[in-house]
Amino acid sequence: VLRGQGVSTGSALSPRVDGHVPALEARPKYDPAAARALLREAGYADGFAVTLDCLNVAHRAAACQAIAAMLGKVGIQVNFVP
């Protein structure tokens, strides 16, 4: 999706940005079943719907579509708006 330019991270901030916390780089293991269990525990046993508003730029739209697909696997229905 990111044409080889993406890097997996657990942090929202790049190491090049002030405020980056290296301890946040560790990502939780991919576990859709655990995510669904957490949603149930939070009161969203049937999931919920959300709108994801992205820039209409090809590579960003592709990333947003990928995010929407991943969220859909745990019961979060995403209305993707380019």
PDB file of N, CA and C in Angstrom:
ATOM      1  N   VAL A   1       0.823  -1.184   0.000  1.00  0.00           N
ATOM      2  CA  VAL A   1       0.000   0.000   0.000  1.00  0.00           C
ATOM      3  C   VAL A   1       0.871   1.253   0.000  1.00  0.00           C
ATOM      4  N   LEU A   2       1.926   1.261   0.760  1.00  0.00           N
ATOM      5  CA  LEU A   2       2.777   2.445   0.858  1.00  0.00           C
ATOM      6  C   LEU A   2       4.007   2.366  -0.043  1.00  0.00           C
ATOM      7  N   ARG A   3       3.972   1.435  -0.993  1.00  0.00           N
ATOM      8  CA  ARG A   3       5.036   1.301  -2.003  1.00  0.00           C
ATOM      9  C   ARG A   3       6.422   1.141  -1.389  1.00  0.00           C
ATOM     10  N   GLY A   4       6.491   0.375  -0.306  1.00  0.00           N
ATOM     11  CA  GLY A   4       7.777   0.107   0.323  1.00  0.00           C
ATOM     12  C   GLY A   4       8.299   1.239   1.181  1.00  0.00           C
ATOM     13  N   GLN A   5       7.525   2.292   1.344  1.00  0.00           N
ATOM     14  CA  GLN A   5       7.988   3.444   2.101  1.00  0.00           C
ATOM     15  C   GLN A   5       7.504   3.439   3.550  1.00  0.00           C
ATOM     16  N   GLY A   6       6.636   2.492   3.912  1.00  0.00           N
ATOM     17  CA  GLY A   6       6.100   2.453   5.273  1.00  0.00           C
ATOM     18  C   GLY A   6       6.989   1.659   6.213  1.00  0.00           C
ATOM     19  N   VAL A   7       6.879   1.978   7.469  1.00  0.00           N
ATOM     20  CA  VAL A   7       7.610   1.278   8.518  1.00  0.00           C
ATOM     21  C   VAL A   7       6.616   0.938   9.627  1.00  0.00           C
ATOM     22  N   SER A   8       6.602  -0.310  10.053  1.00  0.00           N
ATOM     23  CA  SER A   8       5.717  -0.703  11.146  1.00  0.00           C
ATOM     24  C   SER A   8       6.138  -0.004  12.423  1.00  0.00           C
ATOM     25  N   THR A   9       5.166   0.505  13.137  1.00  0.00           N
ATOM     26  CA  THR A   9       5.452   1.206  14.372  1.00  0.00           C
ATOM     27  C   THR A   9       4.259   1.117  15.310  1.00  0.00           C
ATOM     28  N   GLY A  10       4.484   1.314  16.553  1.00  0.00           N
ATOM     29  CA  GLY A  10       3.413   1.377  17.522  1.00  0.00           C
ATOM     30  C   GLY A  10       3.190   2.808  17.974  1.00  0.00           C
ATOM     31  N   SER A  11       4.037   3.708  17.512  1.00  0.00           N
ATOM     32  CA  SER A  11       4.001   5.102  17.926  1.00  0.00           C
ATOM     33  C   SER A  11       3.359   5.961  16.843  1.00  0.00           C
ATOM     34  N   ALA A  12       2.679   6.997  17.264  1.00  0.00           N
ATOM     35  CA  ALA A  12       2.086   7.925  16.300  1.00  0.00           C
ATOM     36  C   ALA A  12       3.094   8.958  15.819  1.00  0.00           C
ATOM     37  N   LEU A  13       4.217   9.053  16.500  1.00  0.00           N
ATOM     38  CA  LEU A  13       5.222  10.051  16.136  1.00  0.00           C
ATOM     39  C   LEU A  13       6.508   9.398  15.645  1.00  0.00           C
ATOM     40  N   SER A  14       7.058   9.962  14.613  1.00  0.00           N
ATOM     41  CA  SER A  14       8.327   9.505  14.058  1.00  0.00           C
ATOM     42  C   SER A  14       9.457   9.770  15.045  1.00  0.00           C
ATOM     43  N   PRO A  15      10.515   8.946  14.996  1.00  0.00           N
ATOM     44  CA  PRO A  15      11.686   9.230  15.841  1.00  0.00           C
ATOM     45  C   PRO A  15      12.309  10.591  15.535  1.00  0.00           C
ATOM     46  N   ARG A  16      11.963  11.164  14.401  1.00  0.00           N
ATOM     47  CA  ARG A  16      12.511  12.471  14.007  1.00  0.00           C
ATOM     48  C   ARG A  16      11.711  13.640  14.583  1.00  0.00           C
ATOM     49  N   VAL A  17      10.648  13.345  15.333  1.00  0.00           N
ATOM     50  CA  VAL A  17       9.775  14.392  15.860  1.00  0.00           C
ATOM     51  C   VAL A  17       9.936  14.471  17.370  1.00  0.00           C
ATOM     52  N   ASP A  18      10.031  15.709  17.882  1.00  0.00           N
ATOM     53  CA  ASP A  18      10.075  15.891  19.333  1.00  0.00           C
ATOM     54  C   ASP A  18       8.824  15.296  19.946  1.00  0.00           C
ATOM     55  N   GLY A  19       8.966  14.595  21.033  1.00  0.00           N
ATOM     56  CA  GLY A  19       7.847  13.953  21.689  1.00  0.00           C
ATOM     57  C   GLY A  19       7.760  12.469  21.398  1.00  0.00           C
ATOM     58  N   HIS A  20       8.623  11.983  20.511  1.00  0.00           N
ATOM     59  CA  HIS A  20       8.653  10.551  20.214  1.00  0.00           C
ATOM     60  C   HIS A  20       9.060   9.787  21.462  1.00  0.00           C
ATOM     61  N   VAL A  21       8.342   8.704  21.749  1.00  0.00           N
ATOM     62  CA  VAL A  21       8.638   7.873  22.924  1.00  0.00           C
ATOM     63  C   VAL A  21       9.040   6.489  22.423  1.00  0.00           C
ATOM     64  N   PRO A  22      10.332   6.141  22.464  1.00  0.00           N
ATOM     65  CA  PRO A  22      10.785   4.856  21.946  1.00  0.00           C
ATOM     66  C   PRO A  22      10.068   3.649  22.552  1.00  0.00           C
ATOM     67  N   ALA A  23       9.635   3.752  23.803  1.00  0.00           N
ATOM     68  CA  ALA A  23       8.957   2.621  24.449  1.00  0.00           C
ATOM     69  C   ALA A  23       7.644   2.273  23.745  1.00  0.00           C
ATOM     70  N   LEU A  24       7.074   3.213  23.007  1.00  0.00           N
ATOM     71  CA  LEU A  24       5.815   2.966  22.305  1.00  0.00           C
ATOM     72  C   LEU A  24       6.009   2.259  20.963  1.00  0.00           C
ATOM     73  N   GLU A  25       7.245   2.048  20.570  1.00  0.00           N
ATOM     74  CA  GLU A  25       7.515   1.385  19.295  1.00  0.00           C
ATOM     75  C   GLU A  25       7.075  -0.080  19.298  1.00  0.00           C
ATOM     76  N   ALA A  26       7.065  -0.703  20.456  1.00  0.00           N
ATOM     77  CA  ALA A  26       6.651  -2.105  20.540  1.00  0.00           C
ATOM     78  C   ALA A  26       5.158  -2.187  20.240  1.00  0.00           C
ATOM     79  N   ARG A  27       4.812  -2.988  19.258  1.00  0.00           N
ATOM     80  CA  ARG A  27       3.411  -3.145  18.879  1.00  0.00           C
ATOM     81  C   ARG A  27       2.840  -4.408  19.495  1.00  0.00           C
ATOM     82  N   PRO A  28       1.569  -4.363  19.882  1.00  0.00           N
ATOM     83  CA  PRO A  28       0.942  -5.589  20.380  1.00  0.00           C
ATOM     84  C   PRO A  28       0.860  -6.624  19.260  1.00  0.00           C
ATOM     85  N   LYS A  29       0.845  -7.879  19.627  1.00  0.00           N
ATOM     86  CA  LYS A  29       0.710  -8.963  18.655  1.00  0.00           C
ATOM     87  C   LYS A  29      -0.634  -8.824  17.937  1.00  0.00           C
ATOM     88  N   TYR A  30      -0.658  -9.123  16.650  1.00  0.00           N
ATOM     89  CA  TYR A  30      -1.902  -9.097  15.874  1.00  0.00           C
ATOM     90  C   TYR A  30      -2.813 -10.194  16.390  1.00  0.00           C
ATOM     91  N   ASP A  31      -3.945  -9.820  16.946  1.00  0.00           N
ATOM     92  CA  ASP A  31      -4.856 -10.793  17.532  1.00  0.00           C
ATOM     93  C   ASP A  31      -6.293 -10.284  17.410  1.00  0.00           C
ATOM     94  N   PRO A  32      -6.940 -10.518  16.255  1.00  0.00           N
ATOM     95  CA  PRO A  32      -8.305 -10.029  16.058  1.00  0.00           C
ATOM     96  C   PRO A  32      -9.290 -10.564  17.105  1.00  0.00           C
ATOM     97  N   ALA A  33      -9.100 -11.798  17.551  1.00  0.00           N
ATOM     98  CA  ALA A  33     -10.001 -12.362  18.563  1.00  0.00           C
ATOM     99  C   ALA A  33      -9.908 -11.570  19.864  1.00  0.00           C
ATOM    100  N   ALA A  34      -8.707 -11.198  20.254  1.00  0.00           N
ATOM    101  CA  ALA A  34      -8.531 -10.401  21.472  1.00  0.00           C
ATOM    102  C   ALA A  34      -9.145  -9.014  21.291  1.00  0.00           C
ATOM    103  N   ALA A  35      -9.024  -8.450  20.101  1.00  0.00           N
ATOM    104  CA  ALA A  35      -9.619  -7.138  19.832  1.00  0.00           C
ATOM    105  C   ALA A  35     -11.140  -7.212  19.940  1.00  0.00           C
ATOM    106  N   ARG A  36     -11.734  -8.279  19.374  1.00  0.00           N
ATOM    107  CA  ARG A  36     -13.190  -8.450  19.474  1.00  0.00           C
ATOM    108  C   ARG A  36     -13.604  -8.619  20.935  1.00  0.00           C
ATOM    109  N   ALA A  37     -12.806  -9.336  21.723  1.00  0.00           N
ATOM    110  CA  ALA A  37     -13.097  -9.518  23.150  1.00  0.00           C
ATOM    111  C   ALA A  37     -13.052  -8.177  23.887  1.00  0.00           C
ATOM    112  N   LEU A  38     -12.088  -7.340  23.547  1.00  0.00           N
ATOM    113  CA  LEU A  38     -12.002  -6.019  24.173  1.00  0.00           C
ATOM    114  C   LEU A  38     -13.199  -5.156  23.800  1.00  0.00           C
ATOM    115  N   LEU A  39     -13.654  -5.269  22.551  1.00  0.00           N
ATOM    116  CA  LEU A  39     -14.842  -4.530  22.137  1.00  0.00           C
ATOM    117  C   LEU A  39     -16.070  -5.000  22.918  1.00  0.00           C
ATOM    118  N   ARG A  40     -16.202  -6.316  23.090  1.00  0.00           N
ATOM    119  CA  ARG A  40     -17.314  -6.854  23.895  1.00  0.00           C
ATOM    120  C   ARG A  40     -17.255  -6.306  25.320  1.00  0.00           C
ATOM    121  N   GLU A  41     -16.059  -6.342  25.902  1.00  0.00           N
ATOM    122  CA  GLU A  41     -15.865  -5.864  27.271  1.00  0.00           C
ATOM    123  C   GLU A  41     -16.224  -4.378  27.393  1.00  0.00           C
ATOM    124  N   ALA A  42     -15.992  -3.631  26.335  1.00  0.00           N
ATOM    125  CA  ALA A  42     -16.290  -2.195  26.336  1.00  0.00           C
ATOM    126  C   ALA A  42     -17.756  -1.902  26.022  1.00  0.00           C
ATOM    127  N   GLY A  43     -18.544  -2.956  25.778  1.00  0.00           N
ATOM    128  CA  GLY A  43     -19.957  -2.758  25.508  1.00  0.00           C
ATOM    129  C   GLY A  43     -20.320  -2.703  24.039  1.00  0.00           C
ATOM    130  N   TYR A  44     -19.402  -3.119  23.173  1.00  0.00           N
ATOM    131  CA  TYR A  44     -19.637  -3.101  21.733  1.00  0.00           C
ATOM    132  C   TYR A  44     -19.570  -4.519  21.156  1.00  0.00           C
ATOM    133  N   ALA A  45     -20.357  -5.408  21.722  1.00  0.00           N
ATOM    134  CA  ALA A  45     -20.336  -6.805  21.280  1.00  0.00           C
ATOM    135  C   ALA A  45     -20.681  -6.944  19.804  1.00  0.00           C
ATOM    136  N   ASP A  46     -21.524  -6.053  19.294  1.00  0.00           N
ATOM    137  CA  ASP A  46     -21.901  -6.090  17.874  1.00  0.00           C
ATOM    138  C   ASP A  46     -21.067  -5.135  17.039  1.00  0.00           C
ATOM    139  N   GLY A  47     -20.014  -4.591  17.629  1.00  0.00           N
ATOM    140  CA  GLY A  47     -19.178  -3.630  16.919  1.00  0.00           C
ATOM    141  C   GLY A  47     -19.858  -2.277  16.856  1.00  0.00           C
ATOM    142  N   PHE A  48     -19.352  -1.428  16.009  1.00  0.00           N
ATOM    143  CA  PHE A  48     -19.951  -0.113  15.809  1.00  0.00           C
ATOM    144  C   PHE A  48     -19.481   0.410  14.456  1.00  0.00           C
ATOM    145  N   ALA A  49     -20.062   1.516  14.042  1.00  0.00           N
ATOM    146  CA  ALA A  49     -19.708   2.111  12.749  1.00  0.00           C
ATOM    147  C   ALA A  49     -19.016   3.449  12.985  1.00  0.00           C
ATOM    148  N   VAL A  50     -18.117   3.783  12.099  1.00  0.00           N
ATOM    149  CA  VAL A  50     -17.365   5.030  12.190  1.00  0.00           C
ATOM    150  C   VAL A  50     -17.061   5.506  10.771  1.00  0.00           C
ATOM    151  N   THR A  51     -16.912   6.807  10.614  1.00  0.00           N
ATOM    152  CA  THR A  51     -16.531   7.365   9.318  1.00  0.00           C
ATOM    153  C   THR A  51     -15.048   7.690   9.349  1.00  0.00           C
ATOM    154  N   LEU A  52     -14.333   7.265   8.335  1.00  0.00           N
ATOM    155  CA  LEU A  52     -12.906   7.541   8.197  1.00  0.00           C
ATOM    156  C   LEU A  52     -12.753   8.508   7.037  1.00  0.00           C
ATOM    157  N   ASP A  53     -12.391   9.731   7.326  1.00  0.00           N
ATOM    158  CA  ASP A  53     -12.268  10.783   6.326  1.00  0.00           C
ATOM    159  C   ASP A  53     -10.796  10.923   5.940  1.00  0.00           C
ATOM    160  N   CYS A  54     -10.478  10.645   4.677  1.00  0.00           N
ATOM    161  CA  CYS A  54      -9.093  10.678   4.214  1.00  0.00           C
ATOM    162  C   CYS A  54      -8.936  11.640   3.048  1.00  0.00           C
ATOM    163  N   LEU A  55      -7.714  12.068   2.836  1.00  0.00           N
ATOM    164  CA  LEU A  55      -7.418  12.887   1.663  1.00  0.00           C
ATOM    165  C   LEU A  55      -7.604  12.059   0.402  1.00  0.00           C
ATOM    166  N   ASN A  56      -8.060  12.680  -0.631  1.00  0.00           N
ATOM    167  CA  ASN A  56      -8.264  11.983  -1.899  1.00  0.00           C
ATOM    168  C   ASN A  56      -6.973  12.004  -2.722  1.00  0.00           C
ATOM    169  N   VAL A  57      -5.943  11.405  -2.168  1.00  0.00           N
ATOM    170  CA  VAL A  57      -4.660  11.236  -2.838  1.00  0.00           C
ATOM    171  C   VAL A  57      -4.440   9.737  -2.921  1.00  0.00           C
ATOM    172  N   ALA A  58      -4.080   9.225  -4.078  1.00  0.00           N
ATOM    173  CA  ALA A  58      -4.075   7.776  -4.331  1.00  0.00           C
ATOM    174  C   ALA A  58      -3.419   6.956  -3.223  1.00  0.00           C
ATOM    175  N   HIS A  59      -2.183   7.275  -2.834  1.00  0.00           N
ATOM    176  CA  HIS A  59      -1.514   6.421  -1.851  1.00  0.00           C
ATOM    177  C   HIS A  59      -2.129   6.553  -0.467  1.00  0.00           C
ATOM    178  N   ARG A  60      -2.658   7.724  -0.131  1.00  0.00           N
ATOM    179  CA  ARG A  60      -3.312   7.873   1.167  1.00  0.00           C
ATOM    180  C   ARG A  60      -4.666   7.175   1.175  1.00  0.00           C
ATOM    181  N   ALA A  61      -5.389   7.257   0.075  1.00  0.00           N
ATOM    182  CA  ALA A  61      -6.676   6.571  -0.020  1.00  0.00           C
ATOM    183  C   ALA A  61      -6.468   5.065   0.109  1.00  0.00           C
ATOM    184  N   ALA A  62      -5.415   4.544  -0.500  1.00  0.00           N
ATOM    185  CA  ALA A  62      -5.129   3.109  -0.410  1.00  0.00           C
ATOM    186  C   ALA A  62      -4.823   2.714   1.035  1.00  0.00           C
ATOM    187  N   ALA A  63      -4.083   3.545   1.746  1.00  0.00           N
ATOM    188  CA  ALA A  63      -3.779   3.255   3.156  1.00  0.00           C
ATOM    189  C   ALA A  63      -5.062   3.286   3.988  1.00  0.00           C
ATOM    190  N   CYS A  64      -5.931   4.242   3.724  1.00  0.00           N
ATOM    191  CA  CYS A  64      -7.195   4.326   4.466  1.00  0.00           C
ATOM    192  C   CYS A  64      -8.081   3.123   4.178  1.00  0.00           C
ATOM    193  N   GLN A  65      -8.098   2.669   2.945  1.00  0.00           N
ATOM    194  CA  GLN A  65      -8.879   1.483   2.603  1.00  0.00           C
ATOM    195  C   GLN A  65      -8.329   0.255   3.325  1.00  0.00           C
ATOM    196  N   ALA A  66      -7.012   0.162   3.439  1.00  0.00           N
ATOM    197  CA  ALA A  66      -6.399  -0.962   4.152  1.00  0.00           C
ATOM    198  C   ALA A  66      -6.757  -0.902   5.642  1.00  0.00           C
ATOM    199  N   ILE A  67      -6.723   0.281   6.217  1.00  0.00           N
ATOM    200  CA  ILE A  67      -7.086   0.451   7.628  1.00  0.00           C
ATOM    201  C   ILE A  67      -8.545   0.040   7.840  1.00  0.00           C
ATOM    202  N   ALA A  68      -9.416   0.473   6.922  1.00  0.00           N
ATOM    203  CA  ALA A  68     -10.837   0.132   7.019  1.00  0.00           C
ATOM    204  C   ALA A  68     -11.037  -1.379   6.968  1.00  0.00           C
ATOM    205  N   ALA A  69     -10.297  -2.050   6.111  1.00  0.00           N
ATOM    206  CA  ALA A  69     -10.411  -3.509   5.998  1.00  0.00           C
ATOM    207  C   ALA A  69      -9.963  -4.201   7.285  1.00  0.00           C
ATOM    208  N   MET A  70      -8.869  -3.713   7.874  1.00  0.00           N
ATOM    209  CA  MET A  70      -8.382  -4.309   9.118  1.00  0.00           C
ATOM    210  C   MET A  70      -9.369  -4.102  10.259  1.00  0.00           C
ATOM    211  N   LEU A  71      -9.947  -2.905  10.360  1.00  0.00           N
ATOM    212  CA  LEU A  71     -10.925  -2.639  11.406  1.00  0.00           C
ATOM    213  C   LEU A  71     -12.180  -3.478  11.208  1.00  0.00           C
ATOM    214  N   GLY A  72     -12.549  -3.707   9.962  1.00  0.00           N
ATOM    215  CA  GLY A  72     -13.713  -4.530   9.664  1.00  0.00           C
ATOM    216  C   GLY A  72     -13.575  -5.953  10.174  1.00  0.00           C
ATOM    217  N   LYS A  73     -12.357  -6.454  10.238  1.00  0.00           N
ATOM    218  CA  LYS A  73     -12.125  -7.818  10.717  1.00  0.00           C
ATOM    219  C   LYS A  73     -12.459  -8.006  12.188  1.00  0.00           C
ATOM    220  N   VAL A  74     -12.528  -6.909  12.933  1.00  0.00           N
ATOM    221  CA  VAL A  74     -12.855  -7.029  14.357  1.00  0.00           C
ATOM    222  C   VAL A  74     -14.245  -6.491  14.673  1.00  0.00           C
ATOM    223  N   GLY A  75     -14.996  -6.107  13.649  1.00  0.00           N
ATOM    224  CA  GLY A  75     -16.370  -5.676  13.855  1.00  0.00           C
ATOM    225  C   GLY A  75     -16.591  -4.182  13.826  1.00  0.00           C
ATOM    226  N   ILE A  76     -15.570  -3.426  13.469  1.00  0.00           N
ATOM    227  CA  ILE A  76     -15.741  -1.972  13.343  1.00  0.00           C
ATOM    228  C   ILE A  76     -16.031  -1.688  11.873  1.00  0.00           C
ATOM    229  N   GLN A  77     -17.269  -1.257  11.617  1.00  0.00           N
ATOM    230  CA  GLN A  77     -17.679  -0.976  10.244  1.00  0.00           C
ATOM    231  C   GLN A  77     -17.240   0.435   9.888  1.00  0.00           C
ATOM    232  N   VAL A  78     -16.449   0.545   8.831  1.00  0.00           N
ATOM    233  CA  VAL A  78     -15.875   1.823   8.451  1.00  0.00           C
ATOM    234  C   VAL A  78     -16.527   2.342   7.180  1.00  0.00           C
ATOM    235  N   ASN A  79     -17.046   3.557   7.255  1.00  0.00           N
ATOM    236  CA  ASN A  79     -17.523   4.249   6.078  1.00  0.00           C
ATOM    237  C   ASN A  79     -16.359   5.108   5.604  1.00  0.00           C
ATOM    238  N   PHE A  80     -15.735   4.696   4.527  1.00  0.00           N
ATOM    239  CA  PHE A  80     -14.538   5.370   4.011  1.00  0.00           C
ATOM    240  C   PHE A  80     -14.959   6.536   3.123  1.00  0.00           C
ATOM    241  N   VAL A  81     -14.531   7.744   3.466  1.00  0.00           N
ATOM    242  CA  VAL A  81     -14.835   8.930   2.690  1.00  0.00           C
ATOM    243  C   VAL A  81     -13.534   9.513   2.149  1.00  0.00           C
ATOM    244  N   PRO A  82     -13.308   9.389   0.839  1.00  0.00           N
ATOM    245  CA  PRO A  82     -12.070   9.964   0.273  1.00  0.00           C
ATOM    246  C   PRO A  82     -12.136  11.474   0.167  1.00  0.00           C
TER     247      PRO A  82
END
